Amino acid sequence: MVLLLRYRSITINLTPLIPKSHKFHTLQSFRNPNFISTSKISASSNNPTPTTNRSISDAAKFAKSVLFIPPGVEIEELTDDMVLPGSNIVIGPFAGHSQIKEVEFVKSSARARDCPKDDRPEIAILGRSNVGKSSLINCLVRKKEVALTSKKPGKTQLINHFLVNKSWYIVDLPGYGFAKVSDAAKTDWSAFTKGYFLNRDTLVCVLLLIDASVPPQKIDLDCANWLGRNNVPMTFVFTKCDKMKATKGKRPDENIKAFQQIIRENFKVHPPWILTSSVSGLGRDELLLHMSQLRNYWDQ
């Protein structure tokens, strides 16, 4: 099937997932996440209105491979306007206040056990060096240099906590894949970051940033697979989606399709995903709304 995104008329093929050995958990509390299509539920094109339980069931099975449905949303209730533009994310009753009014840097930690010790929920942001992680954080909070940007990939090498609205954290994690550090430093990064993922009880979700301006990178896929195998909740955030014209190689929408195809071949269900741009602000409000419903459900 084809999902027509409501931003820049990008068309991305989203065929049903092929069952694989990895079972992905979108949120720790969502043990069996549901995914459905943006089109109205129907058993077939010849019968657009399902009239039997079997028809609904068949349609739901077909639809589960496409969209992320949060708790509180029934398949029969789904409408197109419940799907966030430029994403596969359905907004449900747990979505609430999402705008950022204040943000405060709290601390940098070299080890997971040194992170803030309170019960506030946190959403971690992770990605390959130079993916635009700091720029996205600055865009989300609408303040320059909250997370310092740099032309030198790999500058962030600590776990940085930012308190938002005095109620939850954005966690800026070190970028992976930077080349201009020693092998020992790379090993240390892997050890303490993985320790954070596996031992942080207040972690709601990881936003895994994927650079849409380049073809799929093995290091991103390896990271996604590791998170999936360890049941770490994850949302794919495609960055640099304002660059819709190809500069080198393929266009971003082609790169996104290629990345999603690989994910479909390795994950039983497709994680949530969204298109963003820190330059144009594309996807900012939608991503914040998605983050709000994850936090609010986690808080129940």
C-alpha atoms as a PDB file:
ATOM      1  CA  MET A   1       0.000   0.000   0.000  1.00  0.00           C
ATOM      2  CA  VAL A   2       1.027   3.626  -0.309  1.00  0.00           C
ATOM      3  CA  LEU A   3       0.977   6.225   2.445  1.00  0.00           C
ATOM      4  CA  LEU A   4       0.797   9.775   1.119  1.00  0.00           C
ATOM      5  CA  LEU A   5       2.497  12.026   3.641  1.00  0.00           C
ATOM      6  CA  ARG A   6       0.886  15.408   4.180  1.00  0.00           C
ATOM      7  CA  TYR A   7       4.208  17.226   4.012  1.00  0.00           C
ATOM      8  CA  ARG A   8       5.759  17.900   0.599  1.00  0.00           C
ATOM      9  CA  SER A   9       3.681  15.154  -1.035  1.00  0.00           C
ATOM     10  CA  ILE A  10       6.256  12.470  -0.330  1.00  0.00           C
ATOM     11  CA  THR A  11       5.050   8.998  -1.221  1.00  0.00           C
ATOM     12  CA  ILE A  12       6.512   6.075   0.698  1.00  0.00           C
ATOM     13  CA  ASN A  13       5.690   2.416   0.155  1.00  0.00           C
ATOM     14  CA  LEU A  14       4.606   0.717   3.358  1.00  0.00           C
ATOM     15  CA  THR A  15       3.846  -2.914   2.596  1.00  0.00           C
ATOM     16  CA  PRO A  16       2.931  -5.317   5.417  1.00  0.00           C
ATOM     17  CA  LEU A  17       5.866  -6.470   7.493  1.00  0.00           C
ATOM     18  CA  ILE A  18       7.417  -9.872   7.041  1.00  0.00           C
ATOM     19  CA  PRO A  19       7.496 -11.707  10.405  1.00  0.00           C
ATOM     20  CA  LYS A  20      11.045 -12.005  11.700  1.00  0.00           C
ATOM     21  CA  SER A  21      12.774 -13.208  14.829  1.00  0.00           C
ATOM     22  CA  HIS A  22      13.041  -9.749  16.402  1.00  0.00           C
ATOM     23  CA  LYS A  23       9.901  -8.569  18.159  1.00  0.00           C
ATOM     24  CA  PHE A  24       9.998  -4.823  18.681  1.00  0.00           C
ATOM     25  CA  HIS A  25       8.420  -3.121  21.682  1.00  0.00           C
ATOM     26  CA  THR A  26       7.477   0.499  21.030  1.00  0.00           C
ATOM     27  CA  LEU A  27       7.113   1.398  24.686  1.00  0.00           C
ATOM     28  CA  GLN A  28       7.999  -0.672  27.726  1.00  0.00           C
ATOM     29  CA  SER A  29       4.355  -0.712  28.780  1.00  0.00           C
ATOM     30  CA  PHE A  30       3.202  -1.470  25.193  1.00  0.00           C
ATOM     31  CA  ARG A  31       3.990  -5.164  25.126  1.00  0.00           C
ATOM     32  CA  ASN A  32       2.052  -5.717  21.918  1.00  0.00           C
ATOM     33  CA  PRO A  33       1.990  -2.447  19.953  1.00  0.00           C
ATOM     34  CA  ASN A  34      -0.591  -2.145  17.195  1.00  0.00           C
ATOM     35  CA  PHE A  35      -0.029  -0.601  13.806  1.00  0.00           C
ATOM     36  CA  ILE A  36      -2.695   0.205  11.217  1.00  0.00           C
ATOM     37  CA  SER A  37      -3.046   1.961   7.882  1.00  0.00           C
ATOM     38  CA  THR A  38      -4.136   5.535   7.229  1.00  0.00           C
ATOM     39  CA  SER A  39      -6.895   4.430   4.914  1.00  0.00           C
ATOM     40  CA  LYS A  40     -10.300   3.532   6.283  1.00  0.00           C
ATOM     41  CA  ILE A  41     -10.466  -0.027   7.553  1.00  0.00           C
ATOM     42  CA  SER A  42     -12.018  -2.372   5.016  1.00  0.00           C
ATOM     43  CA  ALA A  43     -11.834  -6.063   4.260  1.00  0.00           C
ATOM     44  CA  SER A  44     -11.286  -5.466   0.558  1.00  0.00           C
ATOM     45  CA  SER A  45     -11.619  -2.818  -2.112  1.00  0.00           C
ATOM     46  CA  ASN A  46     -14.940  -4.367  -3.159  1.00  0.00           C
ATOM     47  CA  ASN A  47     -16.382  -4.115   0.335  1.00  0.00           C
ATOM     48  CA  PRO A  48     -15.265  -0.844   1.913  1.00  0.00           C
ATOM     49  CA  THR A  49     -17.453  -1.281   4.978  1.00  0.00           C
ATOM     50  CA  PRO A  50     -16.668  -4.392   7.025  1.00  0.00           C
ATOM     51  CA  THR A  51     -19.810  -6.110   8.239  1.00  0.00           C
ATOM     52  CA  THR A  52     -18.433  -9.118  10.099  1.00  0.00           C
ATOM     53  CA  ASN A  53     -15.909  -9.758  12.840  1.00  0.00           C
ATOM     54  CA  ARG A  54     -13.813 -11.694  10.389  1.00  0.00           C
ATOM     55  CA  SER A  55     -13.708  -8.733   7.992  1.00  0.00           C
ATOM     56  CA  ILE A  56     -12.566  -6.429  10.752  1.00  0.00           C
ATOM     57  CA  SER A  57      -9.973  -8.958  11.870  1.00  0.00           C
ATOM     58  CA  ASP A  58      -8.580  -9.429   8.358  1.00  0.00           C
ATOM     59  CA  ALA A  59      -8.404  -5.685   7.824  1.00  0.00           C
ATOM     60  CA  ALA A  60      -6.715  -5.176  11.169  1.00  0.00           C
ATOM     61  CA  LYS A  61      -4.099  -7.805  10.392  1.00  0.00           C
ATOM     62  CA  PHE A  62      -3.354  -6.078   7.122  1.00  0.00           C
ATOM     63  CA  ALA A  63      -3.230  -2.696   8.820  1.00  0.00           C
ATOM     64  CA  LYS A  64      -1.071  -3.597  11.823  1.00  0.00           C
ATOM     65  CA  SER A  65       2.106  -3.318   9.796  1.00  0.00           C
ATOM     66  CA  VAL A  66       1.721   0.361   9.004  1.00  0.00           C
ATOM     67  CA  LEU A  67       0.874   2.772  11.818  1.00  0.00           C
ATOM     68  CA  PHE A  68       1.623   3.106  15.512  1.00  0.00           C
ATOM     69  CA  ILE A  69      -1.606   3.065  17.531  1.00  0.00           C
ATOM     70  CA  PRO A  70      -1.303   4.167  21.171  1.00  0.00           C
ATOM     71  CA  PRO A  71      -3.434   2.757  24.005  1.00  0.00           C
ATOM     72  CA  GLY A  72      -6.975   4.061  24.089  1.00  0.00           C
ATOM     73  CA  VAL A  73      -7.511   4.047  20.310  1.00  0.00           C
ATOM     74  CA  GLU A  74      -9.722   1.376  18.779  1.00  0.00           C
ATOM     75  CA  ILE A  75      -9.166   0.371  15.165  1.00  0.00           C
ATOM     76  CA  GLU A  76     -12.829   0.983  14.351  1.00  0.00           C
ATOM     77  CA  GLU A  77     -12.508   4.571  15.609  1.00  0.00           C
ATOM     78  CA  LEU A  78      -9.515   5.541  13.511  1.00  0.00           C
ATOM     79  CA  THR A  79      -9.829   8.474  11.104  1.00  0.00           C
ATOM     80  CA  ASP A  80      -7.270  10.083   8.822  1.00  0.00           C
ATOM     81  CA  ASP A  81      -7.022  13.247  10.901  1.00  0.00           C
ATOM     82  CA  MET A  82      -5.786  11.206  13.882  1.00  0.00           C
ATOM     83  CA  VAL A  83      -2.525  10.474  12.055  1.00  0.00           C
ATOM     84  CA  LEU A  84       0.220  13.024  12.576  1.00  0.00           C
ATOM     85  CA  PRO A  85       1.324  14.595   9.266  1.00  0.00           C
ATOM     86  CA  GLY A  86       4.621  13.259   7.950  1.00  0.00           C
ATOM     87  CA  SER A  87       4.572  10.187  10.190  1.00  0.00           C
ATOM     88  CA  ASN A  88       2.962   6.827  10.900  1.00  0.00           C
ATOM     89  CA  ILE A  89       1.883   7.925  14.392  1.00  0.00           C
ATOM     90  CA  VAL A  90      -1.726   7.967  15.564  1.00  0.00           C
ATOM     91  CA  ILE A  91      -2.605  10.446  18.292  1.00  0.00           C
ATOM     92  CA  GLY A  92      -4.745   9.073  21.110  1.00  0.00           C
ATOM     93  CA  PRO A  93      -6.279  10.193  24.401  1.00  0.00           C
ATOM     94  CA  PHE A  94      -2.949  10.315  26.250  1.00  0.00           C
ATOM     95  CA  ALA A  95      -1.676  13.153  24.069  1.00  0.00           C
ATOM     96  CA  GLY A  96      -1.758  16.362  26.070  1.00  0.00           C
ATOM     97  CA  HIS A  97       0.100  19.609  26.620  1.00  0.00           C
ATOM     98  CA  SER A  98       3.196  19.381  24.465  1.00  0.00           C
ATOM     99  CA  GLN A  99       4.696  22.853  24.149  1.00  0.00           C
ATOM    100  CA  ILE A 100       7.969  23.652  25.899  1.00  0.00           C
ATOM    101  CA  LYS A 101       7.788  26.747  28.098  1.00  0.00           C
ATOM    102  CA  GLU A 102      11.095  26.449  29.905  1.00  0.00           C
ATOM    103  CA  VAL A 103      14.191  24.303  29.730  1.00  0.00           C
ATOM    104  CA  GLU A 104      17.076  24.079  32.163  1.00  0.00           C
ATOM    105  CA  PHE A 105      20.395  22.278  31.847  1.00  0.00           C
ATOM    106  CA  VAL A 106      20.764  20.027  34.905  1.00  0.00           C
ATOM    107  CA  LYS A 107      23.991  18.069  34.581  1.00  0.00           C
ATOM    108  CA  SER A 108      26.388  16.050  32.432  1.00  0.00           C
ATOM    109  CA  SER A 109      27.180  12.504  33.493  1.00  0.00           C
ATOM    110  CA  ALA A 110      30.040  10.265  32.484  1.00  0.00           C
ATOM    111  CA  ARG A 111      28.265   7.176  33.819  1.00  0.00           C
ATOM    112  CA  ALA A 112      24.641   6.063  33.887  1.00  0.00           C
ATOM    113  CA  ARG A 113      24.693   5.782  37.675  1.00  0.00           C
ATOM    114  CA  ASP A 114      25.612   9.480  37.897  1.00  0.00           C
ATOM    115  CA  CYS A 115      22.451  10.627  36.109  1.00  0.00           C
ATOM    116  CA  PRO A 116      19.750  12.542  38.036  1.00  0.00           C
ATOM    117  CA  LYS A 117      18.075  10.348  40.632  1.00  0.00           C
ATOM    118  CA  ASP A 118      14.437  11.362  40.565  1.00  0.00           C
ATOM    119  CA  ASP A 119      11.286   9.860  39.108  1.00  0.00           C
ATOM    120  CA  ARG A 120      10.758  12.294  36.247  1.00  0.00           C
ATOM    121  CA  PRO A 121      10.238  10.609  32.858  1.00  0.00           C
ATOM    122  CA  GLU A 122      12.917  11.159  30.233  1.00  0.00           C
ATOM    123  CA  ILE A 123      13.171  10.871  26.471  1.00  0.00           C
ATOM    124  CA  ALA A 124      16.651  10.230  25.122  1.00  0.00           C
ATOM    125  CA  ILE A 125      17.902  11.477  21.764  1.00  0.00           C
ATOM    126  CA  LEU A 126      20.475   9.332  19.991  1.00  0.00           C
ATOM    127  CA  GLY A 127      22.067   9.349  16.565  1.00  0.00           C
ATOM    128  CA  ARG A 128      25.126   9.102  14.428  1.00  0.00           C
ATOM    129  CA  SER A 129      27.522  12.010  14.708  1.00  0.00           C
ATOM    130  CA  ASN A 130      26.579  14.889  12.405  1.00  0.00           C
ATOM    131  CA  VAL A 131      22.977  13.648  12.118  1.00  0.00           C
ATOM    132  CA  GLY A 132      21.701  16.987  13.427  1.00  0.00           C
ATOM    133  CA  LYS A 133      21.008  15.921  17.013  1.00  0.00           C
ATOM    134  CA  SER A 134      21.932  19.186  18.725  1.00  0.00           C
ATOM    135  CA  SER A 135      20.120  21.184  16.048  1.00  0.00           C
ATOM    136  CA  LEU A 136      16.956  19.149  16.607  1.00  0.00           C
ATOM    137  CA  ILE A 137      17.103  19.696  20.379  1.00  0.00           C
ATOM    138  CA  ASN A 138      17.551  23.443  19.857  1.00  0.00           C
ATOM    139  CA  CYS A 139      14.604  23.379  17.442  1.00  0.00           C
ATOM    140  CA  LEU A 140      12.368  21.512  19.896  1.00  0.00           C
ATOM    141  CA  VAL A 141      13.022  23.945  22.740  1.00  0.00           C
ATOM    142  CA  ARG A 142      13.202  26.963  20.392  1.00  0.00           C
ATOM    143  CA  LYS A 143      16.311  28.276  22.042  1.00  0.00           C
ATOM    144  CA  LYS A 144      19.692  28.611  20.374  1.00  0.00           C
ATOM    145  CA  GLU A 145      22.611  26.748  21.878  1.00  0.00           C
ATOM    146  CA  VAL A 146      20.656  24.850  24.530  1.00  0.00           C
ATOM    147  CA  ALA A 147      22.493  21.897  23.077  1.00  0.00           C
ATOM    148  CA  LEU A 148      25.675  23.276  21.547  1.00  0.00           C
ATOM    149  CA  THR A 149      26.129  22.523  17.882  1.00  0.00           C
ATOM    150  CA  SER A 150      29.544  21.900  16.435  1.00  0.00           C
ATOM    151  CA  LYS A 151      31.162  21.281  13.060  1.00  0.00           C
ATOM    152  CA  LYS A 152      33.283  18.642  14.768  1.00  0.00           C
ATOM    153  CA  PRO A 153      31.290  15.377  14.934  1.00  0.00           C
ATOM    154  CA  GLY A 154      31.417  13.611  18.291  1.00  0.00           C
ATOM    155  CA  LYS A 155      31.676  16.705  20.466  1.00  0.00           C
ATOM    156  CA  THR A 156      28.998  15.462  22.858  1.00  0.00           C
ATOM    157  CA  GLN A 157      30.644  12.667  24.853  1.00  0.00           C
ATOM    158  CA  LEU A 158      28.602  12.801  28.059  1.00  0.00           C
ATOM    159  CA  ILE A 159      24.997  12.051  29.035  1.00  0.00           C
ATOM    160  CA  ASN A 160      23.389  15.504  29.227  1.00  0.00           C
ATOM    161  CA  HIS A 161      20.090  16.053  31.071  1.00  0.00           C
ATOM    162  CA  PHE A 162      17.824  19.029  30.305  1.00  0.00           C
ATOM    163  CA  LEU A 163      14.793  19.565  32.549  1.00  0.00           C
ATOM    164  CA  VAL A 164      11.716  20.622  30.563  1.00  0.00           C
ATOM    165  CA  ASN A 165       8.792  22.469  32.170  1.00  0.00           C
ATOM    166  CA  LYS A 166      10.112  21.216  35.529  1.00  0.00           C
ATOM    167  CA  SER A 167       8.426  17.880  34.809  1.00  0.00           C
ATOM    168  CA  TRP A 168      10.435  15.750  32.357  1.00  0.00           C
ATOM    169  CA  TYR A 169      13.884  15.403  30.803  1.00  0.00           C
ATOM    170  CA  ILE A 170      15.333  15.567  27.330  1.00  0.00           C
ATOM    171  CA  VAL A 171      18.528  13.510  27.418  1.00  0.00           C
ATOM    172  CA  ASP A 172      21.230  14.344  24.882  1.00  0.00           C
ATOM    173  CA  LEU A 173      23.321  11.218  24.364  1.00  0.00           C
ATOM    174  CA  PRO A 174      26.753  11.072  22.681  1.00  0.00           C
ATOM    175  CA  GLY A 175      26.693  10.658  18.923  1.00  0.00           C
ATOM    176  CA  TYR A 176      28.011   7.339  17.709  1.00  0.00           C
ATOM    177  CA  GLY A 177      30.222   6.636  14.741  1.00  0.00           C
ATOM    178  CA  PHE A 178      32.602   9.578  14.978  1.00  0.00           C
ATOM    179  CA  ALA A 179      36.024   8.744  13.569  1.00  0.00           C
ATOM    180  CA  LYS A 180      38.368  11.245  15.237  1.00  0.00           C
ATOM    181  CA  VAL A 181      38.583   9.567  18.626  1.00  0.00           C
ATOM    182  CA  SER A 182      40.614   6.635  19.877  1.00  0.00           C
ATOM    183  CA  ASP A 183      39.302   3.069  19.844  1.00  0.00           C
ATOM    184  CA  ALA A 184      39.346   3.185  23.646  1.00  0.00           C
ATOM    185  CA  ALA A 185      37.043   6.207  23.640  1.00  0.00           C
ATOM    186  CA  LYS A 186      34.638   4.444  21.260  1.00  0.00           C
ATOM    187  CA  THR A 187      34.579   1.416  23.568  1.00  0.00           C
ATOM    188  CA  ASP A 188      33.890   3.588  26.615  1.00  0.00           C
ATOM    189  CA  TRP A 189      31.028   5.315  24.774  1.00  0.00           C
ATOM    190  CA  SER A 190      29.436   1.978  23.929  1.00  0.00           C
ATOM    191  CA  ALA A 191      29.760   0.692  27.480  1.00  0.00           C
ATOM    192  CA  PHE A 192      28.299   3.648  29.359  1.00  0.00           C
ATOM    193  CA  THR A 193      25.573   4.401  26.808  1.00  0.00           C
ATOM    194  CA  LYS A 194      24.344   0.808  26.767  1.00  0.00           C
ATOM    195  CA  GLY A 195      24.424   0.858  30.549  1.00  0.00           C
ATOM    196  CA  TYR A 196      22.124   3.881  30.448  1.00  0.00           C
ATOM    197  CA  PHE A 197      19.626   2.127  28.159  1.00  0.00           C
ATOM    198  CA  LEU A 198      19.501  -1.072  30.180  1.00  0.00           C
ATOM    199  CA  ASN A 199      19.395   0.402  33.678  1.00  0.00           C
ATOM    200  CA  ARG A 200      17.439   3.632  33.426  1.00  0.00           C
ATOM    201  CA  ASP A 201      13.962   2.927  34.819  1.00  0.00           C
ATOM    202  CA  THR A 202      12.669   6.397  33.955  1.00  0.00           C
ATOM    203  CA  LEU A 203      13.483   6.060  30.245  1.00  0.00           C
ATOM    204  CA  VAL A 204      10.249   6.456  28.280  1.00  0.00           C
ATOM    205  CA  CYS A 205      11.563   6.264  24.732  1.00  0.00           C
ATOM    206  CA  VAL A 206      14.654   6.702  22.571  1.00  0.00           C
ATOM    207  CA  LEU A 207      14.397   9.000  19.567  1.00  0.00           C
ATOM    208  CA  LEU A 208      16.798   7.400  17.105  1.00  0.00           C
ATOM    209  CA  LEU A 209      17.785  10.064  14.582  1.00  0.00           C
ATOM    210  CA  ILE A 210      18.328   8.984  10.980  1.00  0.00           C
ATOM    211  CA  ASP A 211      19.899  11.319   8.399  1.00  0.00           C
ATOM    212  CA  ALA A 212      17.487  11.371   5.454  1.00  0.00           C
ATOM    213  CA  SER A 213      20.028  13.078   3.203  1.00  0.00           C
ATOM    214  CA  VAL A 214      22.211   9.949   2.946  1.00  0.00           C
ATOM    215  CA  PRO A 215      21.497   6.299   2.087  1.00  0.00           C
ATOM    216  CA  PRO A 216      20.902   3.841   4.958  1.00  0.00           C
ATOM    217  CA  GLN A 217      23.991   3.463   7.127  1.00  0.00           C
ATOM    218  CA  LYS A 218      24.999   0.127   8.645  1.00  0.00           C
ATOM    219  CA  ILE A 219      25.860   1.755  11.961  1.00  0.00           C
ATOM    220  CA  ASP A 220      22.290   3.136  12.273  1.00  0.00           C
ATOM    221  CA  LEU A 221      20.808  -0.258  11.475  1.00  0.00           C
ATOM    222  CA  ASP A 222      23.115  -1.943  13.987  1.00  0.00           C
ATOM    223  CA  CYS A 223      21.992   0.524  16.644  1.00  0.00           C
ATOM    224  CA  ALA A 224      18.313  -0.034  15.824  1.00  0.00           C
ATOM    225  CA  ASN A 225      18.772  -3.794  15.976  1.00  0.00           C
ATOM    226  CA  TRP A 226      20.527  -3.579  19.345  1.00  0.00           C
ATOM    227  CA  LEU A 227      17.732  -1.427  20.788  1.00  0.00           C
ATOM    228  CA  GLY A 228      15.122  -3.808  19.384  1.00  0.00           C
ATOM    229  CA  ARG A 229      16.826  -6.920  20.751  1.00  0.00           C
ATOM    230  CA  ASN A 230      16.993  -5.331  24.198  1.00  0.00           C
ATOM    231  CA  ASN A 231      13.369  -4.154  24.158  1.00  0.00           C
ATOM    232  CA  VAL A 232      14.351  -0.499  24.376  1.00  0.00           C
ATOM    233  CA  PRO A 233      11.405   1.645  23.159  1.00  0.00           C
ATOM    234  CA  MET A 234      12.299   3.578  20.017  1.00  0.00           C
ATOM    235  CA  THR A 235      10.963   6.080  17.486  1.00  0.00           C
ATOM    236  CA  PHE A 236      12.771   6.781  14.214  1.00  0.00           C
ATOM    237  CA  VAL A 237      13.183  10.527  13.643  1.00  0.00           C
ATOM    238  CA  PHE A 238      14.318  11.303  10.103  1.00  0.00           C
ATOM    239  CA  THR A 239      16.345  14.541  10.061  1.00  0.00           C
ATOM    240  CA  LYS A 240      17.272  16.993   7.276  1.00  0.00           C
ATOM    241  CA  CYS A 241      14.011  16.346   5.435  1.00  0.00           C
ATOM    242  CA  ASP A 242      13.980  19.921   4.127  1.00  0.00           C
ATOM    243  CA  LYS A 243      16.617  18.829   1.612  1.00  0.00           C
ATOM    244  CA  MET A 244      14.157  17.204  -0.742  1.00  0.00           C
ATOM    245  CA  LYS A 245      16.322  17.675  -3.817  1.00  0.00           C
ATOM    246  CA  ALA A 246      19.175  15.280  -4.353  1.00  0.00           C
ATOM    247  CA  THR A 247      22.604  16.843  -3.947  1.00  0.00           C
ATOM    248  CA  LYS A 248      24.686  13.700  -3.923  1.00  0.00           C
ATOM    249  CA  GLY A 249      23.147  10.363  -4.803  1.00  0.00           C
ATOM    250  CA  LYS A 250      19.459   9.756  -4.080  1.00  0.00           C
ATOM    251  CA  ARG A 251      16.787  12.107  -2.759  1.00  0.00           C
ATOM    252  CA  PRO A 252      15.855  11.968   0.951  1.00  0.00           C
ATOM    253  CA  ASP A 253      12.478  10.333   0.270  1.00  0.00           C
ATOM    254  CA  GLU A 254      14.291   7.557  -1.601  1.00  0.00           C
ATOM    255  CA  ASN A 255      16.730   7.137   1.279  1.00  0.00           C
ATOM    256  CA  ILE A 256      13.820   6.939   3.745  1.00  0.00           C
ATOM    257  CA  LYS A 257      12.093   4.269   1.665  1.00  0.00           C
ATOM    258  CA  ALA A 258      15.306   2.256   1.480  1.00  0.00           C
ATOM    259  CA  PHE A 259      15.827   2.491   5.262  1.00  0.00           C
ATOM    260  CA  GLN A 260      12.249   1.464   6.014  1.00  0.00           C
ATOM    261  CA  GLN A 261      12.501  -1.486   3.656  1.00  0.00           C
ATOM    262  CA  ILE A 262      15.482  -2.815   5.615  1.00  0.00           C
ATOM    263  CA  ILE A 263      13.635  -2.313   8.903  1.00  0.00           C
ATOM    264  CA  ARG A 264      10.617  -4.218   7.551  1.00  0.00           C
ATOM    265  CA  GLU A 265      12.904  -7.111   6.677  1.00  0.00           C
ATOM    266  CA  ASN A 266      14.356  -7.315  10.183  1.00  0.00           C
ATOM    267  CA  PHE A 267      11.586  -6.260  12.560  1.00  0.00           C
ATOM    268  CA  LYS A 268       8.289  -7.972  13.123  1.00  0.00           C
ATOM    269  CA  VAL A 269       6.480  -4.632  13.304  1.00  0.00           C
ATOM    270  CA  HIS A 270       7.573  -1.204  12.153  1.00  0.00           C
ATOM    271  CA  PRO A 271       8.471   1.297  14.925  1.00  0.00           C
ATOM    272  CA  PRO A 272       6.940   4.782  14.940  1.00  0.00           C
ATOM    273  CA  TRP A 273       8.630   7.246  12.586  1.00  0.00           C
ATOM    274  CA  ILE A 274       8.382  10.935  11.730  1.00  0.00           C
ATOM    275  CA  LEU A 275       9.955  13.395   9.280  1.00  0.00           C
ATOM    276  CA  THR A 276      11.682  16.495  10.689  1.00  0.00           C
ATOM    277  CA  SER A 277      13.842  19.458   9.763  1.00  0.00           C
ATOM    278  CA  SER A 278      15.534  21.748  12.267  1.00  0.00           C
ATOM    279  CA  VAL A 279      15.886  24.334   9.493  1.00  0.00           C
ATOM    280  CA  SER A 280      12.242  24.651   8.460  1.00  0.00           C
ATOM    281  CA  GLY A 281      10.660  23.364  11.675  1.00  0.00           C
ATOM    282  CA  LEU A 282       9.047  20.474   9.795  1.00  0.00           C
ATOM    283  CA  GLY A 283       7.625  17.929  12.241  1.00  0.00           C
ATOM    284  CA  ARG A 284       8.506  19.883  15.397  1.00  0.00           C
ATOM    285  CA  ASP A 285       5.012  20.246  16.865  1.00  0.00           C
ATOM    286  CA  GLU A 286       4.026  16.750  15.753  1.00  0.00           C
ATOM    287  CA  LEU A 287       7.072  15.186  17.406  1.00  0.00           C
ATOM    288  CA  LEU A 288       6.385  17.053  20.652  1.00  0.00           C
ATOM    289  CA  LEU A 289       2.786  15.780  20.605  1.00  0.00           C
ATOM    290  CA  HIS A 290       3.999  12.212  20.100  1.00  0.00           C
ATOM    291  CA  MET A 291       6.441  12.646  22.987  1.00  0.00           C
ATOM    292  CA  SER A 292       3.623  13.945  25.206  1.00  0.00           C
ATOM    293  CA  GLN A 293       1.436  10.886  24.740  1.00  0.00           C
ATOM    294  CA  LEU A 294       4.348   8.550  25.426  1.00  0.00           C
ATOM    295  CA  ARG A 295       5.172  10.434  28.640  1.00  0.00           C
ATOM    296  CA  ASN A 296       1.569  10.647  29.806  1.00  0.00           C
ATOM    297  CA  TYR A 297       0.967   6.937  29.281  1.00  0.00           C
ATOM    298  CA  TRP A 298       4.232   6.087  31.048  1.00  0.00           C
ATOM    299  CA  ASP A 299       3.078   8.244  33.983  1.00  0.00           C
ATOM    300  CA  GLN A 300      -0.122   6.220  34.510  1.00  0.00           C
END
